[in-house]
Amino acid sequence: MNELAELRQKLLSPRTRYRQEAKVVEAVQEIMRNRGVEGLDRHEIKEKTEDKFHQDGPGRPNENTRYVKETTTRFDLAYRINTEQLVRGSVW
């Protein structure tokens, strides 16, 4: 599960390359497939939007300054191991 923790750190990084939810899901599935533990975890991908405002043009701000709103989407990963499924799989 160390890989999932590393992926979560990448998602929380300000310079992350994961900007689409489909890519995050694909990365999680690839980690699980490589480990051979598909279906043994429960993960939730949370989407957050962040708004940033910056000046429309150069110069010092005054009462006539226009601001542009820039919205970015970020993701966070919450996961836990499905121990019930793990125990059921190890008995057989």
N, C-alpha and C. Protein backbone atom coordinates (compact mmCIF):
# COMPACT_ATOMS: atom_id res chain seq x y z
N MET A 1 0.82 -1.20 0.00
CA MET A 1 0.00 0.00 0.00
C MET A 1 0.86 1.26 0.00
N ASN A 2 2.15 1.06 0.01
CA ASN A 2 3.06 2.19 -0.03
C ASN A 2 2.89 3.00 -1.31
N GLU A 3 2.59 2.29 -2.42
CA GLU A 3 2.40 2.98 -3.69
C GLU A 3 1.18 3.90 -3.65
N LEU A 4 0.13 3.48 -2.95
CA LEU A 4 -1.05 4.34 -2.83
C LEU A 4 -0.73 5.59 -2.02
N ALA A 5 0.09 5.44 -1.00
CA ALA A 5 0.50 6.61 -0.21
C ALA A 5 1.33 7.57 -1.05
N GLU A 6 2.20 7.02 -1.90
CA GLU A 6 2.99 7.86 -2.79
C GLU A 6 2.11 8.58 -3.81
N LEU A 7 1.11 7.86 -4.34
CA LEU A 7 0.18 8.48 -5.28
C LEU A 7 -0.60 9.60 -4.60
N ARG A 8 -1.01 9.38 -3.37
CA ARG A 8 -1.74 10.43 -2.64
C ARG A 8 -0.86 11.67 -2.45
N GLN A 9 0.42 11.46 -2.15
CA GLN A 9 1.33 12.59 -2.01
C GLN A 9 1.48 13.34 -3.33
N LYS A 10 1.52 12.60 -4.43
CA LYS A 10 1.60 13.24 -5.75
C LYS A 10 0.35 14.07 -6.02
N LEU A 11 -0.81 13.54 -5.64
CA LEU A 11 -2.06 14.26 -5.86
C LEU A 11 -2.12 15.55 -5.05
N LEU A 12 -1.55 15.54 -3.85
CA LEU A 12 -1.58 16.71 -2.98
C LEU A 12 -0.49 17.72 -3.33
N SER A 13 0.46 17.32 -4.15
CA SER A 13 1.54 18.20 -4.55
C SER A 13 1.01 19.35 -5.41
N PRO A 14 1.55 20.55 -5.27
CA PRO A 14 1.07 21.67 -6.08
C PRO A 14 1.39 21.51 -7.57
N ARG A 15 2.35 20.67 -7.91
CA ARG A 15 2.72 20.49 -9.31
C ARG A 15 2.27 19.13 -9.86
N THR A 16 1.17 18.61 -9.36
CA THR A 16 0.71 17.30 -9.79
C THR A 16 0.34 17.28 -11.27
N ARG A 17 0.51 16.13 -11.87
CA ARG A 17 0.15 15.96 -13.28
C ARG A 17 -1.21 15.27 -13.42
N TYR A 18 -1.81 14.88 -12.32
CA TYR A 18 -3.10 14.21 -12.35
C TYR A 18 -4.21 15.26 -12.26
N ARG A 19 -4.70 15.71 -13.41
CA ARG A 19 -5.73 16.75 -13.47
C ARG A 19 -7.11 16.21 -13.84
N GLN A 20 -7.19 14.93 -14.19
CA GLN A 20 -8.46 14.32 -14.57
C GLN A 20 -8.72 13.10 -13.69
N GLU A 21 -9.97 12.94 -13.31
CA GLU A 21 -10.33 11.84 -12.42
C GLU A 21 -10.07 10.48 -13.06
N ALA A 22 -10.27 10.37 -14.36
CA ALA A 22 -10.04 9.10 -15.05
C ALA A 22 -8.59 8.66 -14.91
N LYS A 23 -7.66 9.60 -14.96
CA LYS A 23 -6.24 9.25 -14.84
C LYS A 23 -5.91 8.80 -13.42
N VAL A 24 -6.57 9.38 -12.43
CA VAL A 24 -6.35 8.97 -11.04
C VAL A 24 -6.88 7.56 -10.84
N VAL A 25 -8.07 7.28 -11.36
CA VAL A 25 -8.66 5.93 -11.25
C VAL A 25 -7.76 4.92 -11.94
N GLU A 26 -7.26 5.27 -13.11
CA GLU A 26 -6.37 4.38 -13.86
C GLU A 26 -5.09 4.09 -13.08
N ALA A 27 -4.52 5.11 -12.45
CA ALA A 27 -3.30 4.92 -11.66
C ALA A 27 -3.56 4.00 -10.46
N VAL A 28 -4.69 4.16 -9.79
CA VAL A 28 -5.04 3.30 -8.65
C VAL A 28 -5.21 1.86 -9.12
N GLN A 29 -5.92 1.67 -10.22
CA GLN A 29 -6.15 0.32 -10.73
C GLN A 29 -4.84 -0.34 -11.16
N GLU A 30 -3.95 0.43 -11.74
CA GLU A 30 -2.66 -0.13 -12.15
C GLU A 30 -1.84 -0.57 -10.94
N ILE A 31 -1.86 0.23 -9.89
CA ILE A 31 -1.14 -0.14 -8.67
C ILE A 31 -1.71 -1.44 -8.10
N MET A 32 -3.02 -1.54 -8.05
CA MET A 32 -3.66 -2.74 -7.50
C MET A 32 -3.40 -3.96 -8.39
N ARG A 33 -3.43 -3.76 -9.70
CA ARG A 33 -3.18 -4.85 -10.63
C ARG A 33 -1.73 -5.34 -10.50
N ASN A 34 -0.78 -4.42 -10.38
CA ASN A 34 0.62 -4.81 -10.25
C ASN A 34 0.88 -5.55 -8.94
N ARG A 35 0.14 -5.21 -7.91
CA ARG A 35 0.29 -5.88 -6.61
C ARG A 35 -0.49 -7.19 -6.54
N GLY A 36 -1.43 -7.39 -7.48
CA GLY A 36 -2.24 -8.60 -7.47
C GLY A 36 -3.29 -8.61 -6.38
N VAL A 37 -3.76 -7.43 -5.98
CA VAL A 37 -4.73 -7.33 -4.90
C VAL A 37 -5.98 -6.55 -5.35
N GLU A 38 -6.40 -6.78 -6.58
CA GLU A 38 -7.59 -6.08 -7.06
C GLU A 38 -8.80 -6.48 -6.24
N GLY A 39 -9.60 -5.52 -5.86
CA GLY A 39 -10.80 -5.78 -5.09
C GLY A 39 -10.58 -5.88 -3.59
N LEU A 40 -9.34 -5.81 -3.13
CA LEU A 40 -9.07 -5.91 -1.70
C LEU A 40 -9.00 -4.57 -1.01
N ASP A 41 -9.25 -3.50 -1.75
CA ASP A 41 -9.24 -2.18 -1.12
C ASP A 41 -10.53 -1.46 -1.44
N ARG A 42 -10.79 -0.47 -0.64
CA ARG A 42 -11.90 0.45 -0.90
C ARG A 42 -11.28 1.82 -0.99
N HIS A 43 -11.41 2.43 -2.14
CA HIS A 43 -10.83 3.75 -2.30
C HIS A 43 -11.89 4.74 -2.75
N GLU A 44 -11.66 5.95 -2.37
CA GLU A 44 -12.57 7.04 -2.70
C GLU A 44 -11.73 8.20 -3.21
N ILE A 45 -12.11 8.71 -4.36
CA ILE A 45 -11.41 9.85 -4.94
C ILE A 45 -12.27 11.08 -4.73
N LYS A 46 -11.71 12.04 -4.01
CA LYS A 46 -12.45 13.26 -3.69
C LYS A 46 -11.98 14.39 -4.61
N GLU A 47 -12.94 15.07 -5.17
CA GLU A 47 -12.64 16.17 -6.08
C GLU A 47 -12.79 17.49 -5.34
N LYS A 48 -11.78 18.35 -5.48
CA LYS A 48 -11.83 19.68 -4.87
C LYS A 48 -11.56 20.71 -5.96
N THR A 49 -12.29 21.81 -5.90
CA THR A 49 -12.01 22.90 -6.83
C THR A 49 -11.43 24.06 -6.05
N GLU A 50 -10.41 24.66 -6.63
CA GLU A 50 -9.75 25.80 -6.01
C GLU A 50 -9.86 26.99 -6.94
N ASP A 51 -10.20 28.14 -6.39
CA ASP A 51 -10.29 29.37 -7.17
C ASP A 51 -9.10 30.25 -6.87
N LYS A 52 -8.52 30.82 -7.93
CA LYS A 52 -7.44 31.77 -7.79
C LYS A 52 -7.84 33.03 -8.55
N PHE A 53 -7.52 34.16 -7.99
CA PHE A 53 -7.81 35.43 -8.64
C PHE A 53 -6.49 36.14 -8.91
N HIS A 54 -6.37 36.70 -10.12
CA HIS A 54 -5.19 37.52 -10.41
C HIS A 54 -5.61 38.69 -11.29
N GLN A 55 -4.78 39.69 -11.33
CA GLN A 55 -5.09 40.90 -12.09
C GLN A 55 -5.18 40.60 -13.57
N ASP A 56 -6.08 41.34 -14.25
CA ASP A 56 -6.26 41.17 -15.68
C ASP A 56 -5.05 41.66 -16.46
N GLY A 57 -4.39 42.68 -15.97
CA GLY A 57 -3.24 43.24 -16.67
C GLY A 57 -2.15 43.65 -15.71
N PRO A 58 -1.05 44.16 -16.23
CA PRO A 58 0.05 44.57 -15.37
C PRO A 58 -0.23 45.90 -14.67
N GLY A 59 0.55 46.20 -13.67
CA GLY A 59 0.44 47.49 -12.99
C GLY A 59 -0.03 47.36 -11.56
N ARG A 60 -0.02 48.51 -10.90
CA ARG A 60 -0.47 48.54 -9.51
C ARG A 60 -1.99 48.48 -9.46
N PRO A 61 -2.54 47.74 -8.49
CA PRO A 61 -4.00 47.67 -8.38
C PRO A 61 -4.59 48.98 -7.86
N ASN A 62 -5.78 49.32 -8.37
CA ASN A 62 -6.53 50.47 -7.88
C ASN A 62 -8.01 50.12 -7.94
N GLU A 63 -8.89 51.12 -7.78
CA GLU A 63 -10.33 50.82 -7.73
C GLU A 63 -10.89 50.32 -9.06
N ASN A 64 -10.19 50.54 -10.16
CA ASN A 64 -10.67 50.10 -11.48
C ASN A 64 -10.04 48.79 -11.94
N THR A 65 -9.26 48.17 -11.11
CA THR A 65 -8.56 46.95 -11.49
C THR A 65 -9.56 45.80 -11.64
N ARG A 66 -9.42 45.09 -12.75
CA ARG A 66 -10.26 43.91 -13.00
C ARG A 66 -9.46 42.67 -12.63
N TYR A 67 -10.15 41.70 -12.08
CA TYR A 67 -9.52 40.46 -11.68
C TYR A 67 -10.11 39.31 -12.47
N VAL A 68 -9.28 38.32 -12.76
CA VAL A 68 -9.69 37.14 -13.51
C VAL A 68 -9.70 35.96 -12.55
N LYS A 69 -10.78 35.20 -12.60
CA LYS A 69 -10.92 34.02 -11.75
C LYS A 69 -10.45 32.79 -12.53
N GLU A 70 -9.55 32.03 -11.91
CA GLU A 70 -9.04 30.81 -12.52
C GLU A 70 -9.38 29.65 -11.59
N THR A 71 -10.14 28.68 -12.09
CA THR A 71 -10.56 27.54 -11.29
C THR A 71 -9.77 26.30 -11.69
N THR A 72 -9.20 25.62 -10.71
CA THR A 72 -8.48 24.38 -10.97
C THR A 72 -9.13 23.26 -10.16
N THR A 73 -9.05 22.06 -10.71
CA THR A 73 -9.62 20.89 -10.05
C THR A 73 -8.48 20.04 -9.53
N ARG A 74 -8.59 19.64 -8.27
CA ARG A 74 -7.58 18.80 -7.63
C ARG A 74 -8.28 17.56 -7.07
N PHE A 75 -7.51 16.53 -6.85
CA PHE A 75 -8.07 15.28 -6.34
C PHE A 75 -7.31 14.83 -5.10
N ASP A 76 -8.02 14.12 -4.24
CA ASP A 76 -7.43 13.52 -3.06
C ASP A 76 -7.87 12.06 -3.02
N LEU A 77 -7.03 11.21 -2.50
CA LEU A 77 -7.30 9.79 -2.48
C LEU A 77 -7.41 9.31 -1.03
N ALA A 78 -8.53 8.67 -0.73
CA ALA A 78 -8.73 8.04 0.57
C ALA A 78 -8.90 6.54 0.31
N TYR A 79 -8.19 5.72 1.06
CA TYR A 79 -8.25 4.28 0.82
C TYR A 79 -8.13 3.53 2.13
N ARG A 80 -8.63 2.31 2.11
CA ARG A 80 -8.46 1.40 3.24
C ARG A 80 -8.58 -0.02 2.72
N ILE A 81 -7.96 -0.93 3.40
CA ILE A 81 -7.94 -2.34 2.99
C ILE A 81 -9.24 -2.99 3.45
N ASN A 82 -9.87 -3.73 2.57
CA ASN A 82 -11.09 -4.45 2.86
C ASN A 82 -10.71 -5.75 3.57
N THR A 83 -10.60 -5.71 4.90
CA THR A 83 -10.13 -6.87 5.66
C THR A 83 -11.09 -8.04 5.57
N GLU A 84 -12.38 -7.75 5.43
CA GLU A 84 -13.37 -8.82 5.30
C GLU A 84 -13.09 -9.64 4.04
N GLN A 85 -12.84 -8.99 2.93
CA GLN A 85 -12.53 -9.66 1.69
C GLN A 85 -11.19 -10.39 1.79
N LEU A 86 -10.24 -9.80 2.49
CA LEU A 86 -8.92 -10.40 2.65
C LEU A 86 -9.01 -11.70 3.46
N VAL A 87 -9.78 -11.68 4.54
CA VAL A 87 -9.93 -12.87 5.37
C VAL A 87 -10.68 -13.96 4.59
N ARG A 88 -11.72 -13.58 3.86
CA ARG A 88 -12.48 -14.53 3.08
C ARG A 88 -11.61 -15.19 2.01
N GLY A 89 -10.74 -14.40 1.40
CA GLY A 89 -9.86 -14.94 0.36
C GLY A 89 -8.77 -15.83 0.91
N SER A 90 -8.30 -15.58 2.11
CA SER A 90 -7.20 -16.37 2.66
C SER A 90 -7.68 -17.70 3.23
N VAL A 91 -8.96 -17.81 3.59
CA VAL A 91 -9.50 -19.05 4.15
C VAL A 91 -9.58 -20.12 3.07
N TRP A 92 -9.96 -19.75 1.88
CA TRP A 92 -10.12 -20.73 0.80
C TRP A 92 -8.80 -20.93 0.18
